[in-house]
Amino acid sequence: MIAKTPQPPYYAVIFTSERTEIKEGYEDTAERMLALAADQDGFLGIESAREEIGITVSYWRDLDSIRKWKMNTEHKQAQQKGRTEWYKNYKTRICLVERDYGLNA
């Protein structure tokens, strides 16, 4: 589903990843992180797709909201598990969205 975001400006955090073969706990943790992020002040929405490479884009009101999410205790634990078990490679990019438009925008 395409996230319903407000009028720009706002921020996008793009998390691109390549998974390991380890699956144990991943789906449950991903669902928990989505629920936890949705409760964070400044969270605007999320979009995700996975084939050979996974791409998750979360949308945030401002950089302070992103910083607070990054420092969330449960999120930090999930990040550590990702580094040691679930991902063989990943990249995080933070972008300012200045314009958005679409077919049904």
PDB file of N, CA and C in Angstrom:
ATOM      1  N   MET A   1       0.839  -1.174   0.000  1.00  0.00           N
ATOM      2  CA  MET A   1       0.000   0.000   0.000  1.00  0.00           C
ATOM      3  C   MET A   1       0.889   1.245   0.000  1.00  0.00           C
ATOM      4  N   ILE A   2       0.507   2.232  -0.753  1.00  0.00           N
ATOM      5  CA  ILE A   2       1.246   3.486  -0.813  1.00  0.00           C
ATOM      6  C   ILE A   2       0.833   4.356   0.373  1.00  0.00           C
ATOM      7  N   ALA A   3       1.832   4.855   1.091  1.00  0.00           N
ATOM      8  CA  ALA A   3       1.582   5.669   2.282  1.00  0.00           C
ATOM      9  C   ALA A   3       0.916   6.990   1.895  1.00  0.00           C
ATOM     10  N   LYS A   4      -0.005   7.421   2.722  1.00  0.00           N
ATOM     11  CA  LYS A   4      -0.656   8.717   2.542  1.00  0.00           C
ATOM     12  C   LYS A   4       0.131   9.734   3.350  1.00  0.00           C
ATOM     13  N   THR A   5       0.963  10.480   2.672  1.00  0.00           N
ATOM     14  CA  THR A   5       1.832  11.450   3.329  1.00  0.00           C
ATOM     15  C   THR A   5       1.262  12.858   3.181  1.00  0.00           C
ATOM     16  N   PRO A   6       1.655  13.764   4.080  1.00  0.00           N
ATOM     17  CA  PRO A   6       1.171  15.141   3.987  1.00  0.00           C
ATOM     18  C   PRO A   6       1.879  15.900   2.872  1.00  0.00           C
ATOM     19  N   GLN A   7       1.522  17.119   2.689  1.00  0.00           N
ATOM     20  CA  GLN A   7       2.231  17.972   1.741  1.00  0.00           C
ATOM     21  C   GLN A   7       3.680  18.138   2.217  1.00  0.00           C
ATOM     22  N   PRO A   8       4.632  18.106   1.296  1.00  0.00           N
ATOM     23  CA  PRO A   8       6.028  18.319   1.674  1.00  0.00           C
ATOM     24  C   PRO A   8       6.214  19.742   2.218  1.00  0.00           C
ATOM     25  N   PRO A   9       7.293  19.924   2.954  1.00  0.00           N
ATOM     26  CA  PRO A   9       8.420  19.016   3.153  1.00  0.00           C
ATOM     27  C   PRO A   9       8.200  18.051   4.310  1.00  0.00           C
ATOM     28  N   TYR A  10       8.796  16.890   4.181  1.00  0.00           N
ATOM     29  CA  TYR A  10       8.902  15.881   5.228  1.00  0.00           C
ATOM     30  C   TYR A  10      10.101  15.018   4.857  1.00  0.00           C
ATOM     31  N   TYR A  11      10.413  14.036   5.675  1.00  0.00           N
ATOM     32  CA  TYR A  11      11.611  13.231   5.446  1.00  0.00           C
ATOM     33  C   TYR A  11      11.261  11.779   5.134  1.00  0.00           C
ATOM     34  N   ALA A  12      12.147  11.156   4.351  1.00  0.00           N
ATOM     35  CA  ALA A  12      12.042   9.737   4.036  1.00  0.00           C
ATOM     36  C   ALA A  12      13.325   9.049   4.510  1.00  0.00           C
ATOM     37  N   VAL A  13      13.164   7.935   5.194  1.00  0.00           N
ATOM     38  CA  VAL A  13      14.292   7.088   5.565  1.00  0.00           C
ATOM     39  C   VAL A  13      14.190   5.847   4.691  1.00  0.00           C
ATOM     40  N   ILE A  14      15.180   5.647   3.842  1.00  0.00           N
ATOM     41  CA  ILE A  14      15.189   4.526   2.906  1.00  0.00           C
ATOM     42  C   ILE A  14      16.157   3.473   3.446  1.00  0.00           C
ATOM     43  N   PHE A  15      15.618   2.302   3.764  1.00  0.00           N
ATOM     44  CA  PHE A  15      16.431   1.195   4.275  1.00  0.00           C
ATOM     45  C   PHE A  15      16.439   0.104   3.213  1.00  0.00           C
ATOM     46  N   THR A  16      17.604  -0.133   2.626  1.00  0.00           N
ATOM     47  CA  THR A  16      17.778  -1.133   1.583  1.00  0.00           C
ATOM     48  C   THR A  16      18.628  -2.263   2.159  1.00  0.00           C
ATOM     49  N   SER A  17      18.202  -3.513   1.923  1.00  0.00           N
ATOM     50  CA  SER A  17      18.909  -4.612   2.581  1.00  0.00           C
ATOM     51  C   SER A  17      18.969  -5.869   1.727  1.00  0.00           C
ATOM     52  N   GLU A  18      19.973  -6.682   2.053  1.00  0.00           N
ATOM     53  CA  GLU A  18      20.101  -8.040   1.533  1.00  0.00           C
ATOM     54  C   GLU A  18      20.100  -8.963   2.746  1.00  0.00           C
ATOM     55  N   ARG A  19      19.217  -9.943   2.744  1.00  0.00           N
ATOM     56  CA  ARG A  19      19.033 -10.837   3.888  1.00  0.00           C
ATOM     57  C   ARG A  19      20.015 -12.001   3.879  1.00  0.00           C
ATOM     58  N   THR A  20      20.245 -12.517   5.070  1.00  0.00           N
ATOM     59  CA  THR A  20      20.938 -13.797   5.212  1.00  0.00           C
ATOM     60  C   THR A  20      19.876 -14.891   5.083  1.00  0.00           C
ATOM     61  N   GLU A  21      20.284 -16.119   5.285  1.00  0.00           N
ATOM     62  CA  GLU A  21      19.340 -17.243   5.246  1.00  0.00           C
ATOM     63  C   GLU A  21      18.582 -17.396   6.569  1.00  0.00           C
ATOM     64  N   ILE A  22      18.991 -16.694   7.597  1.00  0.00           N
ATOM     65  CA  ILE A  22      18.368 -16.825   8.926  1.00  0.00           C
ATOM     66  C   ILE A  22      17.014 -16.132   8.923  1.00  0.00           C
ATOM     67  N   LYS A  23      15.977 -16.894   9.235  1.00  0.00           N
ATOM     68  CA  LYS A  23      14.615 -16.361   9.232  1.00  0.00           C
ATOM     69  C   LYS A  23      14.021 -16.244  10.639  1.00  0.00           C
ATOM     70  N   GLU A  24      14.559 -16.999  11.572  1.00  0.00           N
ATOM     71  CA  GLU A  24      13.995 -17.084  12.922  1.00  0.00           C
ATOM     72  C   GLU A  24      13.871 -15.703  13.587  1.00  0.00           C
ATOM     73  N   GLY A  25      12.641 -15.364  13.916  1.00  0.00           N
ATOM     74  CA  GLY A  25      12.362 -14.124  14.622  1.00  0.00           C
ATOM     75  C   GLY A  25      12.221 -12.886  13.758  1.00  0.00           C
ATOM     76  N   TYR A  26      12.580 -12.988  12.482  1.00  0.00           N
ATOM     77  CA  TYR A  26      12.592 -11.801  11.624  1.00  0.00           C
ATOM     78  C   TYR A  26      11.192 -11.216  11.418  1.00  0.00           C
ATOM     79  N   GLU A  27      10.247 -12.026  11.012  1.00  0.00           N
ATOM     80  CA  GLU A  27       8.895 -11.521  10.710  1.00  0.00           C
ATOM     81  C   GLU A  27       8.224 -10.917  11.940  1.00  0.00           C
ATOM     82  N   ASP A  28       8.342 -11.588  13.063  1.00  0.00           N
ATOM     83  CA  ASP A  28       7.758 -11.066  14.301  1.00  0.00           C
ATOM     84  C   ASP A  28       8.380  -9.725  14.674  1.00  0.00           C
ATOM     85  N   THR A  29       9.695  -9.633  14.531  1.00  0.00           N
ATOM     86  CA  THR A  29      10.376  -8.385  14.862  1.00  0.00           C
ATOM     87  C   THR A  29       9.986  -7.277  13.888  1.00  0.00           C
ATOM     88  N   ALA A  30       9.880  -7.608  12.614  1.00  0.00           N
ATOM     89  CA  ALA A  30       9.477  -6.608  11.620  1.00  0.00           C
ATOM     90  C   ALA A  30       8.081  -6.068  11.927  1.00  0.00           C
ATOM     91  N   GLU A  31       7.168  -6.949  12.291  1.00  0.00           N
ATOM     92  CA  GLU A  31       5.810  -6.517  12.652  1.00  0.00           C
ATOM     93  C   GLU A  31       5.824  -5.649  13.905  1.00  0.00           C
ATOM     94  N   ARG A  32       6.630  -6.024  14.883  1.00  0.00           N
ATOM     95  CA  ARG A  32       6.734  -5.240  16.114  1.00  0.00           C
ATOM     96  C   ARG A  32       7.322  -3.860  15.832  1.00  0.00           C
ATOM     97  N   MET A  33       8.337  -3.792  14.962  1.00  0.00           N
ATOM     98  CA  MET A  33       8.954  -2.509  14.638  1.00  0.00           C
ATOM     99  C   MET A  33       7.964  -1.598  13.917  1.00  0.00           C
ATOM    100  N   LEU A  34       7.139  -2.168  13.050  1.00  0.00           N
ATOM    101  CA  LEU A  34       6.120  -1.371  12.359  1.00  0.00           C
ATOM    102  C   LEU A  34       5.123  -0.791  13.359  1.00  0.00           C
ATOM    103  N   ALA A  35       4.660  -1.621  14.282  1.00  0.00           N
ATOM    104  CA  ALA A  35       3.706  -1.145  15.296  1.00  0.00           C
ATOM    105  C   ALA A  35       4.346  -0.092  16.197  1.00  0.00           C
ATOM    106  N   LEU A  36       5.579  -0.322  16.572  1.00  0.00           N
ATOM    107  CA  LEU A  36       6.284   0.611  17.446  1.00  0.00           C
ATOM    108  C   LEU A  36       6.539   1.945  16.731  1.00  0.00           C
ATOM    109  N   ALA A  37       6.961   1.879  15.474  1.00  0.00           N
ATOM    110  CA  ALA A  37       7.211   3.111  14.696  1.00  0.00           C
ATOM    111  C   ALA A  37       5.926   3.901  14.531  1.00  0.00           C
ATOM    112  N   ALA A  38       4.836   3.207  14.263  1.00  0.00           N
ATOM    113  CA  ALA A  38       3.552   3.886  14.048  1.00  0.00           C
ATOM    114  C   ALA A  38       3.108   4.670  15.278  1.00  0.00           C
ATOM    115  N   ASP A  39       3.580   4.272  16.460  1.00  0.00           N
ATOM    116  CA  ASP A  39       3.244   4.971  17.698  1.00  0.00           C
ATOM    117  C   ASP A  39       4.191   6.134  18.001  1.00  0.00           C
ATOM    118  N   GLN A  40       5.258   6.266  17.222  1.00  0.00           N
ATOM    119  CA  GLN A  40       6.240   7.315  17.471  1.00  0.00           C
ATOM    120  C   GLN A  40       5.716   8.670  16.976  1.00  0.00           C
ATOM    121  N   ASP A  41       5.938   9.692  17.775  1.00  0.00           N
ATOM    122  CA  ASP A  41       5.593  11.045  17.364  1.00  0.00           C
ATOM    123  C   ASP A  41       6.380  11.391  16.100  1.00  0.00           C
ATOM    124  N   GLY A  42       5.708  11.897  15.099  1.00  0.00           N
ATOM    125  CA  GLY A  42       6.365  12.292  13.860  1.00  0.00           C
ATOM    126  C   GLY A  42       6.328  11.255  12.755  1.00  0.00           C
ATOM    127  N   PHE A  43       5.882  10.036  13.055  1.00  0.00           N
ATOM    128  CA  PHE A  43       5.784   8.992  12.031  1.00  0.00           C
ATOM    129  C   PHE A  43       4.628   9.310  11.089  1.00  0.00           C
ATOM    130  N   LEU A  44       4.884   9.227   9.774  1.00  0.00           N
ATOM    131  CA  LEU A  44       3.869   9.569   8.773  1.00  0.00           C
ATOM    132  C   LEU A  44       3.378   8.380   7.955  1.00  0.00           C
ATOM    133  N   GLY A  45       4.179   7.317   7.855  1.00  0.00           N
ATOM    134  CA  GLY A  45       3.770   6.165   7.057  1.00  0.00           C
ATOM    135  C   GLY A  45       4.968   5.341   6.632  1.00  0.00           C
ATOM    136  N   ILE A  46       4.676   4.233   5.946  1.00  0.00           N
ATOM    137  CA  ILE A  46       5.741   3.315   5.537  1.00  0.00           C
ATOM    138  C   ILE A  46       5.322   2.578   4.270  1.00  0.00           C
ATOM    139  N   GLU A  47       6.312   2.228   3.465  1.00  0.00           N
ATOM    140  CA  GLU A  47       6.124   1.393   2.276  1.00  0.00           C
ATOM    141  C   GLU A  47       7.268   0.390   2.248  1.00  0.00           C
ATOM    142  N   SER A  48       6.987  -0.840   1.818  1.00  0.00           N
ATOM    143  CA  SER A  48       8.029  -1.855   1.842  1.00  0.00           C
ATOM    144  C   SER A  48       7.819  -2.855   0.710  1.00  0.00           C
ATOM    145  N   ALA A  49       8.937  -3.338   0.166  1.00  0.00           N
ATOM    146  CA  ALA A  49       8.901  -4.367  -0.873  1.00  0.00           C
ATOM    147  C   ALA A  49      10.140  -5.240  -0.710  1.00  0.00           C
ATOM    148  N   ARG A  50       9.993  -6.522  -1.014  1.00  0.00           N
ATOM    149  CA  ARG A  50      11.132  -7.416  -0.907  1.00  0.00           C
ATOM    150  C   ARG A  50      11.115  -8.413  -2.057  1.00  0.00           C
ATOM    151  N   GLU A  51      12.230  -8.457  -2.735  1.00  0.00           N
ATOM    152  CA  GLU A  51      12.532  -9.510  -3.703  1.00  0.00           C
ATOM    153  C   GLU A  51      13.938  -9.968  -3.347  1.00  0.00           C
ATOM    154  N   GLU A  52      14.883  -9.797  -4.254  1.00  0.00           N
ATOM    155  CA  GLU A  52      16.268 -10.109  -3.908  1.00  0.00           C
ATOM    156  C   GLU A  52      16.819  -9.060  -2.955  1.00  0.00           C
ATOM    157  N   ILE A  53      16.391  -7.833  -3.151  1.00  0.00           N
ATOM    158  CA  ILE A  53      16.771  -6.719  -2.289  1.00  0.00           C
ATOM    159  C   ILE A  53      15.504  -6.198  -1.631  1.00  0.00           C
ATOM    160  N   GLY A  54      15.561  -5.957  -0.336  1.00  0.00           N
ATOM    161  CA  GLY A  54      14.427  -5.374   0.372  1.00  0.00           C
ATOM    162  C   GLY A  54      14.576  -3.868   0.438  1.00  0.00           C
ATOM    163  N   ILE A  55      13.479  -3.165   0.241  1.00  0.00           N
ATOM    164  CA  ILE A  55      13.485  -1.709   0.363  1.00  0.00           C
ATOM    165  C   ILE A  55      12.300  -1.317   1.226  1.00  0.00           C
ATOM    166  N   THR A  56      12.598  -0.617   2.312  1.00  0.00           N
ATOM    167  CA  THR A  56      11.565  -0.078   3.184  1.00  0.00           C
ATOM    168  C   THR A  56      11.790   1.416   3.278  1.00  0.00           C
ATOM    169  N   VAL A  57      10.737   2.169   3.014  1.00  0.00           N
ATOM    170  CA  VAL A  57      10.802   3.627   3.119  1.00  0.00           C
ATOM    171  C   VAL A  57       9.828   4.043   4.204  1.00  0.00           C
ATOM    172  N   SER A  58      10.351   4.674   5.244  1.00  0.00           N
ATOM    173  CA  SER A  58       9.476   5.227   6.273  1.00  0.00           C
ATOM    174  C   SER A  58       9.507   6.750   6.141  1.00  0.00           C
ATOM    175  N   TYR A  59       8.380   7.369   6.461  1.00  0.00           N
ATOM    176  CA  TYR A  59       8.229   8.810   6.289  1.00  0.00           C
ATOM    177  C   TYR A  59       8.054   9.462   7.654  1.00  0.00           C
ATOM    178  N   TRP A  60       8.717  10.607   7.826  1.00  0.00           N
ATOM    179  CA  TRP A  60       8.784  11.269   9.119  1.00  0.00           C
ATOM    180  C   TRP A  60       8.598  12.774   8.970  1.00  0.00           C
ATOM    181  N   ARG A  61       8.039  13.375   9.989  1.00  0.00           N
ATOM    182  CA  ARG A  61       7.774  14.808   9.996  1.00  0.00           C
ATOM    183  C   ARG A  61       9.069  15.622   9.954  1.00  0.00           C
ATOM    184  N   ASP A  62      10.074  15.192  10.727  1.00  0.00           N
ATOM    185  CA  ASP A  62      11.298  15.994  10.848  1.00  0.00           C
ATOM    186  C   ASP A  62      12.470  15.111  11.293  1.00  0.00           C
ATOM    187  N   LEU A  63      13.667  15.696  11.277  1.00  0.00           N
ATOM    188  CA  LEU A  63      14.868  14.950  11.646  1.00  0.00           C
ATOM    189  C   LEU A  63      14.865  14.539  13.111  1.00  0.00           C
ATOM    190  N   ASP A  64      14.280  15.348  13.983  1.00  0.00           N
ATOM    191  CA  ASP A  64      14.213  15.003  15.396  1.00  0.00           C
ATOM    192  C   ASP A  64      13.403  13.720  15.604  1.00  0.00           C
ATOM    193  N   SER A  65      12.309  13.562  14.879  1.00  0.00           N
ATOM    194  CA  SER A  65      11.505  12.335  14.967  1.00  0.00           C
ATOM    195  C   SER A  65      12.323  11.120  14.540  1.00  0.00           C
ATOM    196  N   ILE A  66      13.127  11.271  13.506  1.00  0.00           N
ATOM    197  CA  ILE A  66      13.979  10.177  13.023  1.00  0.00           C
ATOM    198  C   ILE A  66      15.024   9.828  14.080  1.00  0.00           C
ATOM    199  N   ARG A  67      15.644  10.832  14.683  1.00  0.00           N
ATOM    200  CA  ARG A  67      16.643  10.595  15.730  1.00  0.00           C
ATOM    201  C   ARG A  67      16.036   9.832  16.909  1.00  0.00           C
ATOM    202  N   LYS A  68      14.854  10.253  17.319  1.00  0.00           N
ATOM    203  CA  LYS A  68      14.201   9.583  18.447  1.00  0.00           C
ATOM    204  C   LYS A  68      13.865   8.135  18.111  1.00  0.00           C
ATOM    205  N   TRP A  69      13.436   7.873  16.893  1.00  0.00           N
ATOM    206  CA  TRP A  69      13.149   6.494  16.471  1.00  0.00           C
ATOM    207  C   TRP A  69      14.428   5.663  16.476  1.00  0.00           C
ATOM    208  N   LYS A  70      15.508   6.220  15.957  1.00  0.00           N
ATOM    209  CA  LYS A  70      16.781   5.496  15.919  1.00  0.00           C
ATOM    210  C   LYS A  70      17.245   5.128  17.321  1.00  0.00           C
ATOM    211  N   MET A  71      16.939   5.957  18.312  1.00  0.00           N
ATOM    212  CA  MET A  71      17.394   5.733  19.683  1.00  0.00           C
ATOM    213  C   MET A  71      16.411   4.914  20.523  1.00  0.00           C
ATOM    214  N   ASN A  72      15.258   4.556  19.991  1.00  0.00           N
ATOM    215  CA  ASN A  72      14.289   3.744  20.716  1.00  0.00           C
ATOM    216  C   ASN A  72      14.950   2.427  21.132  1.00  0.00           C
ATOM    217  N   THR A  73      14.788   2.050  22.390  1.00  0.00           N
ATOM    218  CA  THR A  73      15.472   0.878  22.941  1.00  0.00           C
ATOM    219  C   THR A  73      15.154  -0.407  22.174  1.00  0.00           C
ATOM    220  N   GLU A  74      13.881  -0.676  21.927  1.00  0.00           N
ATOM    221  CA  GLU A  74      13.520  -1.902  21.184  1.00  0.00           C
ATOM    222  C   GLU A  74      14.054  -1.861  19.760  1.00  0.00           C
ATOM    223  N   HIS A  75      14.006  -0.693  19.147  1.00  0.00           N
ATOM    224  CA  HIS A  75      14.518  -0.537  17.783  1.00  0.00           C
ATOM    225  C   HIS A  75      16.029  -0.787  17.756  1.00  0.00           C
ATOM    226  N   LYS A  76      16.745  -0.290  18.755  1.00  0.00           N
ATOM    227  CA  LYS A  76      18.192  -0.525  18.824  1.00  0.00           C
ATOM    228  C   LYS A  76      18.498  -2.012  18.966  1.00  0.00           C
ATOM    229  N   GLN A  77      17.691  -2.729  19.747  1.00  0.00           N
ATOM    230  CA  GLN A  77      17.880  -4.180  19.893  1.00  0.00           C
ATOM    231  C   GLN A  77      17.647  -4.891  18.561  1.00  0.00           C
ATOM    232  N   ALA A  78      16.618  -4.476  17.837  1.00  0.00           N
ATOM    233  CA  ALA A  78      16.334  -5.071  16.524  1.00  0.00           C
ATOM    234  C   ALA A  78      17.461  -4.749  15.533  1.00  0.00           C
ATOM    235  N   GLN A  79      17.991  -3.532  15.591  1.00  0.00           N
ATOM    236  CA  GLN A  79      19.115  -3.168  14.718  1.00  0.00           C
ATOM    237  C   GLN A  79      20.305  -4.088  14.968  1.00  0.00           C
ATOM    238  N   GLN A  80      20.600  -4.344  16.242  1.00  0.00           N
ATOM    239  CA  GLN A  80      21.728  -5.212  16.582  1.00  0.00           C
ATOM    240  C   GLN A  80      21.514  -6.627  16.063  1.00  0.00           C
ATOM    241  N   LYS A  81      20.311  -7.135  16.216  1.00  0.00           N
ATOM    242  CA  LYS A  81      19.990  -8.476  15.710  1.00  0.00           C
ATOM    243  C   LYS A  81      20.123  -8.506  14.183  1.00  0.00           C
ATOM    244  N   GLY A  82      19.691  -7.430  13.537  1.00  0.00           N
ATOM    245  CA  GLY A  82      19.837  -7.335  12.091  1.00  0.00           C
ATOM    246  C   GLY A  82      21.291  -7.404  11.658  1.00  0.00           C
ATOM    247  N   ARG A  83      22.147  -6.680  12.365  1.00  0.00           N
ATOM    248  CA  ARG A  83      23.578  -6.669  12.024  1.00  0.00           C
ATOM    249  C   ARG A  83      24.224  -8.036  12.220  1.00  0.00           C
ATOM    250  N   THR A  84      23.803  -8.755  13.264  1.00  0.00           N
ATOM    251  CA  THR A  84      24.472 -10.016  13.585  1.00  0.00           C
ATOM    252  C   THR A  84      23.844 -11.246  12.937  1.00  0.00           C
ATOM    253  N   GLU A  85      22.546 -11.153  12.553  1.00  0.00           N
ATOM    254  CA  GLU A  85      21.883 -12.359  12.059  1.00  0.00           C
ATOM    255  C   GLU A  85      21.150 -12.208  10.728  1.00  0.00           C
ATOM    256  N   TRP A  86      20.343 -11.167  10.559  1.00  0.00           N
ATOM    257  CA  TRP A  86      19.384 -11.128   9.459  1.00  0.00           C
ATOM    258  C   TRP A  86      19.880 -10.484   8.170  1.00  0.00           C
ATOM    259  N   TYR A  87      20.871  -9.620   8.249  1.00  0.00           N
ATOM    260  CA  TYR A  87      21.324  -8.897   7.054  1.00  0.00           C
ATOM    261  C   TYR A  87      22.770  -9.205   6.734  1.00  0.00           C
ATOM    262  N   LYS A  88      23.012  -9.466   5.447  1.00  0.00           N
ATOM    263  CA  LYS A  88      24.403  -9.584   5.026  1.00  0.00           C
ATOM    264  C   LYS A  88      24.911  -8.251   4.482  1.00  0.00           C
ATOM    265  N   ASN A  89      23.980  -7.352   4.173  1.00  0.00           N
ATOM    266  CA  ASN A  89      24.347  -6.014   3.715  1.00  0.00           C
ATOM    267  C   ASN A  89      23.134  -5.106   3.879  1.00  0.00           C
ATOM    268  N   TYR A  90      23.373  -3.860   4.202  1.00  0.00           N
ATOM    269  CA  TYR A  90      22.271  -2.895   4.242  1.00  0.00           C
ATOM    270  C   TYR A  90      22.796  -1.474   4.104  1.00  0.00           C
ATOM    271  N   LYS A  91      21.914  -0.574   3.784  1.00  0.00           N
ATOM    272  CA  LYS A  91      22.245   0.839   3.656  1.00  0.00           C
ATOM    273  C   LYS A  91      21.025   1.634   4.089  1.00  0.00           C
ATOM    274  N   THR A  92      21.251   2.700   4.855  1.00  0.00           N
ATOM    275  CA  THR A  92      20.184   3.604   5.264  1.00  0.00           C
ATOM    276  C   THR A  92      20.475   4.973   4.688  1.00  0.00           C
ATOM    277  N   ARG A  93      19.448   5.561   4.087  1.00  0.00           N
ATOM    278  CA  ARG A  93      19.576   6.901   3.515  1.00  0.00           C
ATOM    279  C   ARG A  93      18.445   7.768   4.056  1.00  0.00           C
ATOM    280  N   ILE A  94      18.764   9.000   4.408  1.00  0.00           N
ATOM    281  CA  ILE A  94      17.756   9.925   4.915  1.00  0.00           C
ATOM    282  C   ILE A  94      17.655  11.079   3.931  1.00  0.00           C
ATOM    283  N   CYS A  95      16.432  11.341   3.459  1.00  0.00           N
ATOM    284  CA  CYS A  95      16.213  12.317   2.398  1.00  0.00           C
ATOM    285  C   CYS A  95      15.113  13.301   2.776  1.00  0.00           C
ATOM    286  N   LEU A  96      15.273  14.528   2.345  1.00  0.00           N
ATOM    287  CA  LEU A  96      14.223  15.525   2.475  1.00  0.00           C
ATOM    288  C   LEU A  96      13.327  15.424   1.244  1.00  0.00           C
ATOM    289  N   VAL A  97      12.047  15.214   1.461  1.00  0.00           N
ATOM    290  CA  VAL A  97      11.084  15.162   0.358  1.00  0.00           C
ATOM    291  C   VAL A  97      10.595  16.596   0.127  1.00  0.00           C
ATOM    292  N   GLU A  98      10.872  17.121  -1.037  1.00  0.00           N
ATOM    293  CA  GLU A  98      10.487  18.493  -1.367  1.00  0.00           C
ATOM    294  C   GLU A  98       9.244  18.558  -2.232  1.00  0.00           C
ATOM    295  N   ARG A  99       9.021  17.485  -2.984  1.00  0.00           N
ATOM    296  CA  ARG A  99       7.828  17.400  -3.845  1.00  0.00           C
ATOM    297  C   ARG A  99       7.333  15.972  -3.835  1.00  0.00           C
ATOM    298  N   ASP A 100       6.027  15.791  -3.929  1.00  0.00           N
ATOM    299  CA  ASP A 100       5.471  14.472  -4.212  1.00  0.00           C
ATOM    300  C   ASP A 100       4.199  14.652  -5.038  1.00  0.00           C
ATOM    301  N   TYR A 101       3.958  13.706  -5.906  1.00  0.00           N
ATOM    302  CA  TYR A 101       2.781  13.739  -6.758  1.00  0.00           C
ATOM    303  C   TYR A 101       2.521  12.335  -7.248  1.00  0.00           C
ATOM    304  N   GLY A 102       1.319  12.068  -7.718  1.00  0.00           N
ATOM    305  CA  GLY A 102       0.996  10.745  -8.200  1.00  0.00           C
ATOM    306  C   GLY A 102      -0.350  10.716  -8.881  1.00  0.00           C
ATOM    307  N   LEU A 103      -0.751   9.556  -9.300  1.00  0.00           N
ATOM    308  CA  LEU A 103      -1.993   9.369 -10.036  1.00  0.00           C
ATOM    309  C   LEU A 103      -3.202   9.746  -9.182  1.00  0.00           C
ATOM    310  N   ASN A 104      -3.233   9.280  -7.944  1.00  0.00           N
ATOM    311  CA  ASN A 104      -4.376   9.551  -7.068  1.00  0.00           C
ATOM    312  C   ASN A 104      -4.020  10.491  -5.917  1.00  0.00           C
ATOM    313  N   ALA A 105      -3.012  11.312  -6.122  1.00  0.00           N
ATOM    314  CA  ALA A 105      -2.540  12.202  -5.028  1.00  0.00           C
ATOM    315  C   ALA A 105      -3.536  13.297  -4.723  1.00  0.00           C
TER     316      ALA A 105
END
